[in-house]
PDB file of N, CA and C in Angstrom:
ATOM      1  N   MET A   1       4.490 -68.391  31.186  1.00  0.00           N
ATOM      2  CA  MET A   1       3.971 -67.780  32.263  1.00  0.00           C
ATOM      3  C   MET A   1       4.036 -66.279  32.427  1.00  0.00           C
ATOM      4  N   THR A   2       3.387 -65.638  32.403  1.00  0.00           N
ATOM      5  CA  THR A   2       3.587 -64.309  32.742  1.00  0.00           C
ATOM      6  C   THR A   2       3.424 -63.520  34.118  1.00  0.00           C
ATOM      7  N   LYS A   3       4.296 -62.786  34.645  1.00  0.00           N
ATOM      8  CA  LYS A   3       4.649 -62.116  35.873  1.00  0.00           C
ATOM      9  C   LYS A   3       3.450 -62.349  36.746  1.00  0.00           C
ATOM     10  N   GLN A   4       2.391 -61.866  36.030  1.00  0.00           N
ATOM     11  CA  GLN A   4       0.919 -61.501  36.745  1.00  0.00           C
ATOM     12  C   GLN A   4       0.436 -62.926  36.950  1.00  0.00           C
ATOM     13  N   GLU A   5       0.502 -64.073  36.153  1.00  0.00           N
ATOM     14  CA  GLU A   5       0.182 -65.140  36.596  1.00  0.00           C
ATOM     15  C   GLU A   5       1.008 -65.855  37.143  1.00  0.00           C
ATOM     16  N   LEU A   6       1.976 -65.846  37.372  1.00  0.00           N
ATOM     17  CA  LEU A   6       2.971 -66.169  38.664  1.00  0.00           C
ATOM     18  C   LEU A   6       2.422 -65.802  40.092  1.00  0.00           C
ATOM     19  N   SER A   7       2.494 -64.346  40.063  1.00  0.00           N
ATOM     20  CA  SER A   7       1.995 -63.591  40.704  1.00  0.00           C
ATOM     21  C   SER A   7       0.738 -64.448  41.851  1.00  0.00           C
ATOM     22  N   ILE A   8      -0.334 -64.548  40.491  1.00  0.00           N
ATOM     23  CA  ILE A   8      -1.495 -65.249  41.376  1.00  0.00           C
ATOM     24  C   ILE A   8      -1.343 -66.338  41.679  1.00  0.00           C
ATOM     25  N   LYS A   9      -0.491 -67.251  41.303  1.00  0.00           N
ATOM     26  CA  LYS A   9      -0.497 -68.581  41.469  1.00  0.00           C
ATOM     27  C   LYS A   9       0.225 -68.420  43.363  1.00  0.00           C
ATOM     28  N   ILE A  10       1.271 -67.868  43.065  1.00  0.00           N
ATOM     29  CA  ILE A  10       2.491 -67.828  44.226  1.00  0.00           C
ATOM     30  C   ILE A  10       1.132 -67.739  45.251  1.00  0.00           C
ATOM     31  N   GLY A  11       0.493 -66.455  45.103  1.00  0.00           N
ATOM     32  CA  GLY A  11      -0.490 -65.621  46.372  1.00  0.00           C
ATOM     33  C   GLY A  11      -1.302 -66.933  47.079  1.00  0.00           C
ATOM     34  N   ASN A  12      -1.924 -67.446  45.739  1.00  0.00           N
ATOM     35  CA  ASN A  12      -3.238 -68.462  45.766  1.00  0.00           C
ATOM     36  C   ASN A  12      -2.722 -69.777  46.681  1.00  0.00           C
ATOM     37  N   ARG A  13      -1.344 -69.764  45.943  1.00  0.00           N
ATOM     38  CA  ARG A  13      -0.403 -71.145  47.104  1.00  0.00           C
ATOM     39  C   ARG A  13       0.039 -70.758  48.771  1.00  0.00           C
ATOM     40  N   ILE A  14      -0.378 -69.492  49.145  1.00  0.00           N
ATOM     41  CA  ILE A  14       0.576 -68.789  50.503  1.00  0.00           C
ATOM     42  C   ILE A  14      -0.817 -69.054  50.929  1.00  0.00           C
ATOM     43  N   LYS A  15      -2.052 -68.648  50.610  1.00  0.00           N
ATOM     44  CA  LYS A  15      -3.317 -68.248  51.156  1.00  0.00           C
ATOM     45  C   LYS A  15      -3.739 -69.875  51.385  1.00  0.00           C
ATOM     46  N   GLN A  16      -3.208 -70.765  50.615  1.00  0.00           N
ATOM     47  CA  GLN A  16      -4.267 -72.528  50.887  1.00  0.00           C
ATOM     48  C   GLN A  16      -3.060 -73.481  51.903  1.00  0.00           C
ATOM     49  N   LEU A  17      -1.995 -72.716  52.107  1.00  0.00           N
ATOM     50  CA  LEU A  17      -1.004 -73.182  53.034  1.00  0.00           C
ATOM     51  C   LEU A  17      -1.433 -72.763  54.308  1.00  0.00           C
ATOM     52  N   ARG A  18      -1.364 -71.659  54.440  1.00  0.00           N
ATOM     53  CA  ARG A  18      -1.793 -70.421  55.842  1.00  0.00           C
ATOM     54  C   ARG A  18      -2.838 -71.010  56.104  1.00  0.00           C
ATOM     55  N   LYS A  19      -4.137 -71.638  55.448  1.00  0.00           N
ATOM     56  CA  LYS A  19      -5.344 -71.709  55.782  1.00  0.00           C
ATOM     57  C   LYS A  19      -5.083 -73.215  56.217  1.00  0.00           C
ATOM     58  N   GLU A  20      -4.508 -74.293  55.292  1.00  0.00           N
ATOM     59  CA  GLU A  20      -4.278 -75.799  55.703  1.00  0.00           C
ATOM     60  C   GLU A  20      -3.343 -75.725  57.260  1.00  0.00           C
ATOM     61  N   LYS A  21      -2.517 -74.882  57.705  1.00  0.00           N
ATOM     62  CA  LYS A  21      -1.997 -74.481  58.888  1.00  0.00           C
ATOM     63  C   LYS A  21      -2.975 -73.419  60.040  1.00  0.00           C
ATOM     64  N   ASN A  22      -4.276 -73.402  59.565  1.00  0.00           N
ATOM     65  CA  ASN A  22      -4.695 -72.599  60.496  1.00  0.00           C
ATOM     66  C   ASN A  22      -4.226 -71.521  60.789  1.00  0.00           C
ATOM     67  N   ILE A  23      -3.393 -70.613  60.683  1.00  0.00           N
ATOM     68  CA  ILE A  23      -3.340 -69.429  60.500  1.00  0.00           C
ATOM     69  C   ILE A  23      -3.556 -68.216  60.044  1.00  0.00           C
ATOM     70  N   SER A  24      -3.786 -67.022  60.913  1.00  0.00           N
ATOM     71  CA  SER A  24      -4.937 -66.109  60.422  1.00  0.00           C
ATOM     72  C   SER A  24      -3.397 -65.416  59.547  1.00  0.00           C
ATOM     73  N   GLN A  25      -3.710 -64.025  58.661  1.00  0.00           N
ATOM     74  CA  GLN A  25      -3.350 -63.253  57.589  1.00  0.00           C
ATOM     75  C   GLN A  25      -2.144 -62.653  58.807  1.00  0.00           C
ATOM     76  N   ALA A  26      -2.530 -62.058  59.937  1.00  0.00           N
ATOM     77  CA  ALA A  26      -1.752 -61.231  61.177  1.00  0.00           C
ATOM     78  C   ALA A  26      -0.769 -62.469  61.706  1.00  0.00           C
ATOM     79  N   GLU A  27      -1.392 -63.657  62.167  1.00  0.00           N
ATOM     80  CA  GLU A  27      -0.199 -64.355  62.602  1.00  0.00           C
ATOM     81  C   GLU A  27       0.878 -64.468  61.757  1.00  0.00           C
ATOM     82  N   LEU A  28       0.757 -64.983  60.360  1.00  0.00           N
ATOM     83  CA  LEU A  28       1.694 -65.069  59.461  1.00  0.00           C
ATOM     84  C   LEU A  28       2.835 -63.746  59.338  1.00  0.00           C
ATOM     85  N   GLY A  29       1.777 -62.749  59.134  1.00  0.00           N
ATOM     86  CA  GLY A  29       2.919 -61.896  59.165  1.00  0.00           C
ATOM     87  C   GLY A  29       3.534 -61.326  60.469  1.00  0.00           C
ATOM     88  N   ARG A  30       3.048 -61.600  61.401  1.00  0.00           N
ATOM     89  CA  ARG A  30       3.789 -61.533  62.485  1.00  0.00           C
ATOM     90  C   ARG A  30       4.996 -62.677  62.918  1.00  0.00           C
ATOM     91  N   LEU A  31       4.761 -63.723  61.893  1.00  0.00           N
ATOM     92  CA  LEU A  31       5.790 -64.345  62.177  1.00  0.00           C
ATOM     93  C   LEU A  31       6.925 -64.566  61.038  1.00  0.00           C
ATOM     94  N   CYS A  32       6.630 -63.725  60.130  1.00  0.00           N
ATOM     95  CA  CYS A  32       7.583 -63.276  58.857  1.00  0.00           C
ATOM     96  C   CYS A  32       8.169 -62.086  59.263  1.00  0.00           C
ATOM     97  N   GLY A  33       8.087 -61.163  59.853  1.00  0.00           N
ATOM     98  CA  GLY A  33       7.915 -59.983  60.229  1.00  0.00           C
ATOM     99  C   GLY A  33       7.442 -58.970  59.406  1.00  0.00           C
ATOM    100  N   ARG A  34       6.586 -59.087  58.972  1.00  0.00           N
ATOM    101  CA  ARG A  34       5.454 -58.476  57.898  1.00  0.00           C
ATOM    102  C   ARG A  34       4.290 -57.988  58.693  1.00  0.00           C
ATOM    103  N   ASP A  35       3.282 -56.963  58.085  1.00  0.00           N
ATOM    104  CA  ASP A  35       2.108 -57.160  58.465  1.00  0.00           C
ATOM    105  C   ASP A  35       1.202 -57.579  58.246  1.00  0.00           C
ATOM    106  N   LYS A  36       0.072 -57.633  58.666  1.00  0.00           N
ATOM    107  CA  LYS A  36      -1.206 -58.007  57.638  1.00  0.00           C
ATOM    108  C   LYS A  36      -1.627 -57.480  56.976  1.00  0.00           C
ATOM    109  N   GLN A  37      -1.316 -56.263  56.233  1.00  0.00           N
ATOM    110  CA  GLN A  37      -1.846 -55.695  54.941  1.00  0.00           C
ATOM    111  C   GLN A  37      -0.884 -56.532  54.130  1.00  0.00           C
ATOM    112  N   HIS A  38       0.282 -56.333  54.414  1.00  0.00           N
ATOM    113  CA  HIS A  38       1.443 -57.336  53.199  1.00  0.00           C
ATOM    114  C   HIS A  38       1.360 -58.393  53.000  1.00  0.00           C
ATOM    115  N   ILE A  39       0.526 -59.322  53.941  1.00  0.00           N
ATOM    116  CA  ILE A  39       0.479 -60.712  53.591  1.00  0.00           C
ATOM    117  C   ILE A  39      -0.667 -60.883  52.856  1.00  0.00           C
ATOM    118  N   GLU A  40      -1.971 -59.603  52.888  1.00  0.00           N
ATOM    119  CA  GLU A  40      -3.285 -60.046  52.044  1.00  0.00           C
ATOM    120  C   GLU A  40      -2.899 -59.109  50.812  1.00  0.00           C
ATOM    121  N   LEU A  41      -2.113 -58.139  50.699  1.00  0.00           N
ATOM    122  CA  LEU A  41      -2.024 -57.793  49.358  1.00  0.00           C
ATOM    123  C   LEU A  41      -0.883 -58.947  48.514  1.00  0.00           C
ATOM    124  N   ILE A  42      -0.090 -59.670  49.252  1.00  0.00           N
ATOM    125  CA  ILE A  42       0.424 -60.784  48.315  1.00  0.00           C
ATOM    126  C   ILE A  42      -0.378 -61.834  47.938  1.00  0.00           C
ATOM    127  N   GLU A  43      -0.957 -62.183  48.905  1.00  0.00           N
ATOM    128  CA  GLU A  43      -2.300 -63.218  48.837  1.00  0.00           C
ATOM    129  C   GLU A  43      -3.368 -62.819  47.792  1.00  0.00           C
ATOM    130  N   ASN A  44      -3.946 -61.716  47.517  1.00  0.00           N
ATOM    131  CA  ASN A  44      -4.742 -60.843  46.215  1.00  0.00           C
ATOM    132  C   ASN A  44      -3.867 -60.392  45.514  1.00  0.00           C
ATOM    133  N   HIS A  45      -2.571 -60.784  45.530  1.00  0.00           N
ATOM    134  CA  HIS A  45      -2.132 -60.428  43.858  1.00  0.00           C
ATOM    135  C   HIS A  45      -2.010 -58.966  43.553  1.00  0.00           C
ATOM    136  N   LYS A  46      -2.175 -57.966  44.650  1.00  0.00           N
ATOM    137  CA  LYS A  46      -1.618 -56.621  44.587  1.00  0.00           C
ATOM    138  C   LYS A  46      -0.513 -56.250  44.087  1.00  0.00           C
ATOM    139  N   VAL A  47       0.364 -57.124  45.066  1.00  0.00           N
ATOM    140  CA  VAL A  47       2.185 -56.849  45.111  1.00  0.00           C
ATOM    141  C   VAL A  47       2.578 -58.588  44.697  1.00  0.00           C
ATOM    142  N   SER A  48       3.561 -58.148  44.204  1.00  0.00           N
ATOM    143  CA  SER A  48       4.516 -59.157  44.164  1.00  0.00           C
ATOM    144  C   SER A  48       5.805 -59.609  45.075  1.00  0.00           C
ATOM    145  N   ALA A  49       5.741 -60.605  45.977  1.00  0.00           N
ATOM    146  CA  ALA A  49       6.695 -60.545  47.054  1.00  0.00           C
ATOM    147  C   ALA A  49       8.083 -60.975  46.349  1.00  0.00           C
ATOM    148  N   ASN A  50       9.112 -60.453  47.217  1.00  0.00           N
ATOM    149  CA  ASN A  50      10.830 -60.798  46.359  1.00  0.00           C
ATOM    150  C   ASN A  50      10.585 -62.107  46.858  1.00  0.00           C
ATOM    151  N   THR A  51      12.228 -62.453  46.801  1.00  0.00           N
ATOM    152  CA  THR A  51      12.513 -63.815  46.990  1.00  0.00           C
ATOM    153  C   THR A  51      12.726 -63.827  48.585  1.00  0.00           C
ATOM    154  N   TYR A  52      13.157 -62.665  49.143  1.00  0.00           N
ATOM    155  CA  TYR A  52      13.487 -63.242  50.674  1.00  0.00           C
ATOM    156  C   TYR A  52      12.265 -63.008  51.310  1.00  0.00           C
ATOM    157  N   THR A  53      10.992 -62.385  51.275  1.00  0.00           N
ATOM    158  CA  THR A  53      10.324 -62.133  51.309  1.00  0.00           C
ATOM    159  C   THR A  53       9.091 -63.723  50.988  1.00  0.00           C
ATOM    160  N   LEU A  54       9.234 -64.425  50.487  1.00  0.00           N
ATOM    161  CA  LEU A  54       8.805 -65.672  50.016  1.00  0.00           C
ATOM    162  C   LEU A  54       9.524 -66.656  51.011  1.00  0.00           C
ATOM    163  N   TYR A  55      10.792 -66.206  51.186  1.00  0.00           N
ATOM    164  CA  TYR A  55      11.379 -67.320  52.020  1.00  0.00           C
ATOM    165  C   TYR A  55      11.439 -67.382  53.502  1.00  0.00           C
ATOM    166  N   THR A  56      10.828 -66.120  54.050  1.00  0.00           N
ATOM    167  CA  THR A  56      10.259 -65.798  54.952  1.00  0.00           C
ATOM    168  C   THR A  56       9.033 -66.460  55.370  1.00  0.00           C
ATOM    169  N   ILE A  57       8.188 -66.351  54.458  1.00  0.00           N
ATOM    170  CA  ILE A  57       6.958 -66.844  54.563  1.00  0.00           C
ATOM    171  C   ILE A  57       7.187 -68.379  54.593  1.00  0.00           C
ATOM    172  N   ALA A  58       7.882 -68.862  53.724  1.00  0.00           N
ATOM    173  CA  ALA A  58       7.694 -70.328  53.622  1.00  0.00           C
ATOM    174  C   ALA A  58       8.289 -70.780  55.224  1.00  0.00           C
ATOM    175  N   ASN A  59       9.180 -70.691  56.087  1.00  0.00           N
ATOM    176  CA  ASN A  59      10.412 -70.045  57.007  1.00  0.00           C
ATOM    177  C   ASN A  59       8.719 -70.457  57.965  1.00  0.00           C
ATOM    178  N   ALA A  60       8.248 -69.170  58.337  1.00  0.00           N
ATOM    179  CA  ALA A  60       7.093 -69.370  59.011  1.00  0.00           C
ATOM    180  C   ALA A  60       5.545 -69.811  58.966  1.00  0.00           C
ATOM    181  N   LEU A  61       5.884 -71.020  57.796  1.00  0.00           N
ATOM    182  CA  LEU A  61       4.615 -71.716  57.408  1.00  0.00           C
ATOM    183  C   LEU A  61       5.030 -73.418  57.684  1.00  0.00           C
ATOM    184  N   GLU A  62       6.856 -73.482  58.401  1.00  0.00           N
ATOM    185  CA  GLU A  62       7.237 -74.347  58.200  1.00  0.00           C
ATOM    186  C   GLU A  62       7.434 -75.084  57.283  1.00  0.00           C
ATOM    187  N   ILE A  63       7.591 -74.605  56.347  1.00  0.00           N
ATOM    188  CA  ILE A  63       7.583 -75.592  54.840  1.00  0.00           C
ATOM    189  C   ILE A  63       8.936 -75.369  54.143  1.00  0.00           C
ATOM    190  N   GLU A  64       9.231 -76.234  53.073  1.00  0.00           N
ATOM    191  CA  GLU A  64      10.662 -76.179  52.039  1.00  0.00           C
ATOM    192  C   GLU A  64       9.888 -74.583  51.023  1.00  0.00           C
ATOM    193  N   PHE A  65      10.876 -74.057  51.123  1.00  0.00           N
ATOM    194  CA  PHE A  65      10.786 -72.848  50.120  1.00  0.00           C
ATOM    195  C   PHE A  65      10.350 -73.004  48.946  1.00  0.00           C
ATOM    196  N   ILE A  66      10.261 -74.038  48.130  1.00  0.00           N
ATOM    197  CA  ILE A  66      10.456 -75.093  46.849  1.00  0.00           C
ATOM    198  C   ILE A  66       8.340 -75.750  47.115  1.00  0.00           C
ATOM    199  N   GLU A  67       8.012 -75.582  48.186  1.00  0.00           N
ATOM    200  CA  GLU A  67       6.713 -75.802  48.479  1.00  0.00           C
ATOM    201  C   GLU A  67       5.677 -74.712  47.848  1.00  0.00           C
ATOM    202  N   LEU A  68       6.656 -73.825  48.262  1.00  0.00           N
ATOM    203  CA  LEU A  68       5.582 -72.229  47.686  1.00  0.00           C
ATOM    204  C   LEU A  68       5.029 -72.551  46.379  1.00  0.00           C
ATOM    205  N   PHE A  69       6.249 -73.057  44.877  1.00  0.00           N
ATOM    206  CA  PHE A  69       5.847 -73.294  44.134  1.00  0.00           C
ATOM    207  C   PHE A  69       5.391 -74.536  43.366  1.00  0.00           C
ATOM    208  N   LYS A  70       4.683 -75.225  44.444  1.00  0.00           N
ATOM    209  CA  LYS A  70       4.018 -76.566  43.796  1.00  0.00           C
ATOM    210  C   LYS A  70       2.712 -76.273  43.301  1.00  0.00           C
ATOM    211  N   PHE A  71       2.327 -75.810  42.517  1.00  0.00           N
ATOM    212  CA  PHE A  71       0.792 -75.649  41.779  1.00  0.00           C
ATOM    213  C   PHE A  71       0.619 -75.964  40.981  1.00  0.00           C
TER     214      PHE A  71
END
């Protein structure tokens, strides 16, 4: 798997989990200390999130970190 493919899978997974919890991008950003635009860029594969950002997103979604990688 390439870096781009991984970024796409993680972005899609975050979007899926966020929508399942009925949370907006703005709300997710607020919950994990980022802005809406940063969440949007991650979900749309424009930037790759670092490990700590993924960790804060998982915490904000109230899921185990590993759940972000179940695709």
